[in-house]
Amino acid sequence: MTTKDDIKANGYFKKQKNLIMIMELIMIVRLVLILTLNLQVFYIQNAFR
């Protein structure tokens, strides 16, 4: 038997999962941006040498 509290808990956990997924996506995007920026700086430095 599922009570209203169980349904509320399930909804809460789903929201938490979504939040965690979004946080992970943001972290990955930030890492990619940092890596690409570093690569660009590296190439520019080598080009001017």
PDB file of N, CA and C in Angstrom:
ATOM      1  N   MET A   1       0.836  -1.195   0.000  1.00  0.00           N
ATOM      2  CA  MET A   1       0.000   0.000   0.000  1.00  0.00           C
ATOM      3  C   MET A   1       0.883   1.263   0.000  1.00  0.00           C
ATOM      4  N   THR A   2       0.557   2.182  -0.857  1.00  0.00           N
ATOM      5  CA  THR A   2       1.299   3.434  -0.886  1.00  0.00           C
ATOM      6  C   THR A   2       0.440   4.542  -0.307  1.00  0.00           C
ATOM      7  N   THR A   3       0.994   5.234   0.656  1.00  0.00           N
ATOM      8  CA  THR A   3       0.274   6.346   1.265  1.00  0.00           C
ATOM      9  C   THR A   3       0.669   7.645   0.584  1.00  0.00           C
ATOM     10  N   LYS A   4      -0.019   8.713   0.941  1.00  0.00           N
ATOM     11  CA  LYS A   4       0.313  10.019   0.351  1.00  0.00           C
ATOM     12  C   LYS A   4       1.749  10.394   0.702  1.00  0.00           C
ATOM     13  N   ASP A   5       2.183  10.033   1.909  1.00  0.00           N
ATOM     14  CA  ASP A   5       3.554  10.366   2.327  1.00  0.00           C
ATOM     15  C   ASP A   5       4.571   9.665   1.426  1.00  0.00           C
ATOM     16  N   ASP A   6       4.292   8.397   1.090  1.00  0.00           N
ATOM     17  CA  ASP A   6       5.210   7.651   0.217  1.00  0.00           C
ATOM     18  C   ASP A   6       5.314   8.335  -1.146  1.00  0.00           C
ATOM     19  N   ILE A   7       4.154   8.755  -1.667  1.00  0.00           N
ATOM     20  CA  ILE A   7       4.147   9.415  -2.969  1.00  0.00           C
ATOM     21  C   ILE A   7       4.942  10.715  -2.885  1.00  0.00           C
ATOM     22  N   LYS A   8       4.758  11.474  -1.807  1.00  0.00           N
ATOM     23  CA  LYS A   8       5.505  12.724  -1.617  1.00  0.00           C
ATOM     24  C   LYS A   8       6.998  12.424  -1.566  1.00  0.00           C
ATOM     25  N   ALA A   9       7.382  11.379  -0.840  1.00  0.00           N
ATOM     26  CA  ALA A   9       8.799  11.019  -0.714  1.00  0.00           C
ATOM     27  C   ALA A   9       9.368  10.669  -2.089  1.00  0.00           C
ATOM     28  N   ASN A  10       8.604   9.892  -2.867  1.00  0.00           N
ATOM     29  CA  ASN A  10       9.073   9.515  -4.200  1.00  0.00           C
ATOM     30  C   ASN A  10       9.287  10.749  -5.063  1.00  0.00           C
ATOM     31  N   GLY A  11       8.341  11.693  -5.008  1.00  0.00           N
ATOM     32  CA  GLY A  11       8.483  12.921  -5.777  1.00  0.00           C
ATOM     33  C   GLY A  11       9.710  13.689  -5.334  1.00  0.00           C
ATOM     34  N   TYR A  12       9.951  13.718  -4.021  1.00  0.00           N
ATOM     35  CA  TYR A  12      11.106  14.442  -3.488  1.00  0.00           C
ATOM     36  C   TYR A  12      12.398  13.816  -3.993  1.00  0.00           C
ATOM     37  N   PHE A  13      12.459  12.491  -3.947  1.00  0.00           N
ATOM     38  CA  PHE A  13      13.682  11.815  -4.396  1.00  0.00           C
ATOM     39  C   PHE A  13      13.907  12.029  -5.890  1.00  0.00           C
ATOM     40  N   LYS A  14      12.819  12.036  -6.657  1.00  0.00           N
ATOM     41  CA  LYS A  14      12.958  12.285  -8.094  1.00  0.00           C
ATOM     42  C   LYS A  14      13.522  13.679  -8.315  1.00  0.00           C
ATOM     43  N   LYS A  15      13.023  14.657  -7.542  1.00  0.00           N
ATOM     44  CA  LYS A  15      13.536  16.027  -7.673  1.00  0.00           C
ATOM     45  C   LYS A  15      15.006  16.052  -7.312  1.00  0.00           C
ATOM     46  N   GLN A  16      15.383  15.360  -6.239  1.00  0.00           N
ATOM     47  CA  GLN A  16      16.787  15.332  -5.814  1.00  0.00           C
ATOM     48  C   GLN A  16      17.650  14.722  -6.915  1.00  0.00           C
ATOM     49  N   LYS A  17      17.168  13.639  -7.514  1.00  0.00           N
ATOM     50  CA  LYS A  17      17.924  12.988  -8.602  1.00  0.00           C
ATOM     51  C   LYS A  17      18.134  13.961  -9.751  1.00  0.00           C
ATOM     52  N   ASN A  18      17.066  14.688 -10.112  1.00  0.00           N
ATOM     53  CA  ASN A  18      17.174  15.660 -11.206  1.00  0.00           C
ATOM     54  C   ASN A  18      18.196  16.725 -10.856  1.00  0.00           C
ATOM     55  N   LEU A  19      18.161  17.203  -9.610  1.00  0.00           N
ATOM     56  CA  LEU A  19      19.112  18.230  -9.176  1.00  0.00           C
ATOM     57  C   LEU A  19      20.542  17.708  -9.298  1.00  0.00           C
ATOM     58  N   ILE A  20      20.754  16.479  -8.842  1.00  0.00           N
ATOM     59  CA  ILE A  20      22.102  15.894  -8.898  1.00  0.00           C
ATOM     60  C   ILE A  20      22.555  15.769 -10.345  1.00  0.00           C
ATOM     61  N   MET A  21      21.638  15.331 -11.223  1.00  0.00           N
ATOM     62  CA  MET A  21      21.984  15.191 -12.641  1.00  0.00           C
ATOM     63  C   MET A  21      22.369  16.541 -13.227  1.00  0.00           C
ATOM     64  N   ILE A  22      21.594  17.582 -12.880  1.00  0.00           N
ATOM     65  CA  ILE A  22      21.881  18.927 -13.393  1.00  0.00           C
ATOM     66  C   ILE A  22      23.237  19.390 -12.882  1.00  0.00           C
ATOM     67  N   MET A  23      23.511  19.150 -11.601  1.00  0.00           N
ATOM     68  CA  MET A  23      24.794  19.559 -11.024  1.00  0.00           C
ATOM     69  C   MET A  23      25.944  18.861 -11.753  1.00  0.00           C
ATOM     70  N   GLU A  24      25.769  17.556 -12.018  1.00  0.00           N
ATOM     71  CA  GLU A  24      26.819  16.809 -12.713  1.00  0.00           C
ATOM     72  C   GLU A  24      27.029  17.363 -14.120  1.00  0.00           C
ATOM     73  N   LEU A  25      25.925  17.695 -14.802  1.00  0.00           N
ATOM     74  CA  LEU A  25      26.042  18.262 -16.146  1.00  0.00           C
ATOM     75  C   LEU A  25      26.809  19.575 -16.103  1.00  0.00           C
ATOM     76  N   ILE A  26      26.475  20.422 -15.115  1.00  0.00           N
ATOM     77  CA  ILE A  26      27.161  21.715 -14.999  1.00  0.00           C
ATOM     78  C   ILE A  26      28.648  21.489 -14.763  1.00  0.00           C
ATOM     79  N   MET A  27      28.979  20.529 -13.890  1.00  0.00           N
ATOM     80  CA  MET A  27      30.389  20.241 -13.620  1.00  0.00           C
ATOM     81  C   MET A  27      31.107  19.811 -14.898  1.00  0.00           C
ATOM     82  N   ILE A  28      30.468  18.919 -15.679  1.00  0.00           N
ATOM     83  CA  ILE A  28      31.088  18.419 -16.910  1.00  0.00           C
ATOM     84  C   ILE A  28      31.285  19.574 -17.892  1.00  0.00           C
ATOM     85  N   VAL A  29      30.259  20.421 -18.030  1.00  0.00           N
ATOM     86  CA  VAL A  29      30.356  21.544 -18.970  1.00  0.00           C
ATOM     87  C   VAL A  29      31.492  22.469 -18.544  1.00  0.00           C
ATOM     88  N   ARG A  30      31.592  22.723 -17.229  1.00  0.00           N
ATOM     89  CA  ARG A  30      32.654  23.600 -16.737  1.00  0.00           C
ATOM     90  C   ARG A  30      34.028  22.998 -17.032  1.00  0.00           C
ATOM     91  N   LEU A  31      34.150  21.696 -16.815  1.00  0.00           N
ATOM     92  CA  LEU A  31      35.433  21.041 -17.091  1.00  0.00           C
ATOM     93  C   LEU A  31      35.797  21.174 -18.563  1.00  0.00           C
ATOM     94  N   VAL A  32      34.822  20.938 -19.433  1.00  0.00           N
ATOM     95  CA  VAL A  32      35.081  21.017 -20.878  1.00  0.00           C
ATOM     96  C   VAL A  32      35.495  22.440 -21.254  1.00  0.00           C
ATOM     97  N   LEU A  33      34.780  23.440 -20.696  1.00  0.00           N
ATOM     98  CA  LEU A  33      35.113  24.835 -21.005  1.00  0.00           C
ATOM     99  C   LEU A  33      36.530  25.157 -20.555  1.00  0.00           C
ATOM    100  N   ILE A  34      36.878  24.724 -19.345  1.00  0.00           N
ATOM    101  CA  ILE A  34      38.224  25.002 -18.821  1.00  0.00           C
ATOM    102  C   ILE A  34      39.276  24.344 -19.710  1.00  0.00           C
ATOM    103  N   LEU A  35      39.023  23.105 -20.103  1.00  0.00           N
ATOM    104  CA  LEU A  35      39.984  22.393 -20.950  1.00  0.00           C
ATOM    105  C   LEU A  35      40.154  23.085 -22.295  1.00  0.00           C
ATOM    106  N   THR A  36      39.047  23.493 -22.917  1.00  0.00           N
ATOM    107  CA  THR A  36      39.141  24.135 -24.225  1.00  0.00           C
ATOM    108  C   THR A  36      39.857  25.471 -24.108  1.00  0.00           C
ATOM    109  N   LEU A  37      39.567  26.212 -23.033  1.00  0.00           N
ATOM    110  CA  LEU A  37      40.250  27.500 -22.831  1.00  0.00           C
ATOM    111  C   LEU A  37      41.752  27.277 -22.676  1.00  0.00           C
ATOM    112  N   ASN A  38      42.122  26.277 -21.883  1.00  0.00           N
ATOM    113  CA  ASN A  38      43.544  25.981 -21.679  1.00  0.00           C
ATOM    114  C   ASN A  38      44.202  25.611 -22.996  1.00  0.00           C
ATOM    115  N   LEU A  39      43.516  24.827 -23.810  1.00  0.00           N
ATOM    116  CA  LEU A  39      44.070  24.434 -25.106  1.00  0.00           C
ATOM    117  C   LEU A  39      44.271  25.647 -25.996  1.00  0.00           C
ATOM    118  N   GLN A  40      43.279  26.557 -26.016  1.00  0.00           N
ATOM    119  CA  GLN A  40      43.392  27.758 -26.837  1.00  0.00           C
ATOM    120  C   GLN A  40      44.579  28.593 -26.394  1.00  0.00           C
ATOM    121  N   VAL A  41      44.731  28.780 -25.086  1.00  0.00           N
ATOM    122  CA  VAL A  41      45.854  29.559 -24.560  1.00  0.00           C
ATOM    123  C   VAL A  41      47.167  28.885 -24.956  1.00  0.00           C
ATOM    124  N   PHE A  42      47.217  27.569 -24.839  1.00  0.00           N
ATOM    125  CA  PHE A  42      48.419  26.808 -25.181  1.00  0.00           C
ATOM    126  C   PHE A  42      48.791  27.028 -26.649  1.00  0.00           C
ATOM    127  N   TYR A  43      47.776  26.922 -27.533  1.00  0.00           N
ATOM    128  CA  TYR A  43      48.044  27.101 -28.961  1.00  0.00           C
ATOM    129  C   TYR A  43      48.509  28.521 -29.254  1.00  0.00           C
ATOM    130  N   ILE A  44      47.870  29.507 -28.622  1.00  0.00           N
ATOM    131  CA  ILE A  44      48.233  30.909 -28.857  1.00  0.00           C
ATOM    132  C   ILE A  44      49.671  31.149 -28.406  1.00  0.00           C
ATOM    133  N   GLN A  45      50.030  30.624 -27.236  1.00  0.00           N
ATOM    134  CA  GLN A  45      51.392  30.809 -26.734  1.00  0.00           C
ATOM    135  C   GLN A  45      52.401  30.181 -27.698  1.00  0.00           C
ATOM    136  N   ASN A  46      52.092  28.992 -28.194  1.00  0.00           N
ATOM    137  CA  ASN A  46      53.016  28.322 -29.117  1.00  0.00           C
ATOM    138  C   ASN A  46      53.093  29.071 -30.442  1.00  0.00           C
ATOM    139  N   ALA A  47      51.990  29.660 -30.876  1.00  0.00           N
ATOM    140  CA  ALA A  47      51.969  30.367 -32.155  1.00  0.00           C
ATOM    141  C   ALA A  47      52.859  31.602 -32.108  1.00  0.00           C
ATOM    142  N   PHE A  48      52.903  32.255 -30.939  1.00  0.00           N
ATOM    143  CA  PHE A  48      53.677  33.501 -30.851  1.00  0.00           C
ATOM    144  C   PHE A  48      55.153  33.266 -30.566  1.00  0.00           C
ATOM    145  N   ARG A  49      55.519  32.032 -30.281  1.00  0.00           N
ATOM    146  CA  ARG A  49      56.934  31.773 -30.004  1.00  0.00           C
ATOM    147  C   ARG A  49      57.762  31.778 -31.278  1.00  0.00           C
TER     148      ARG A  49
END
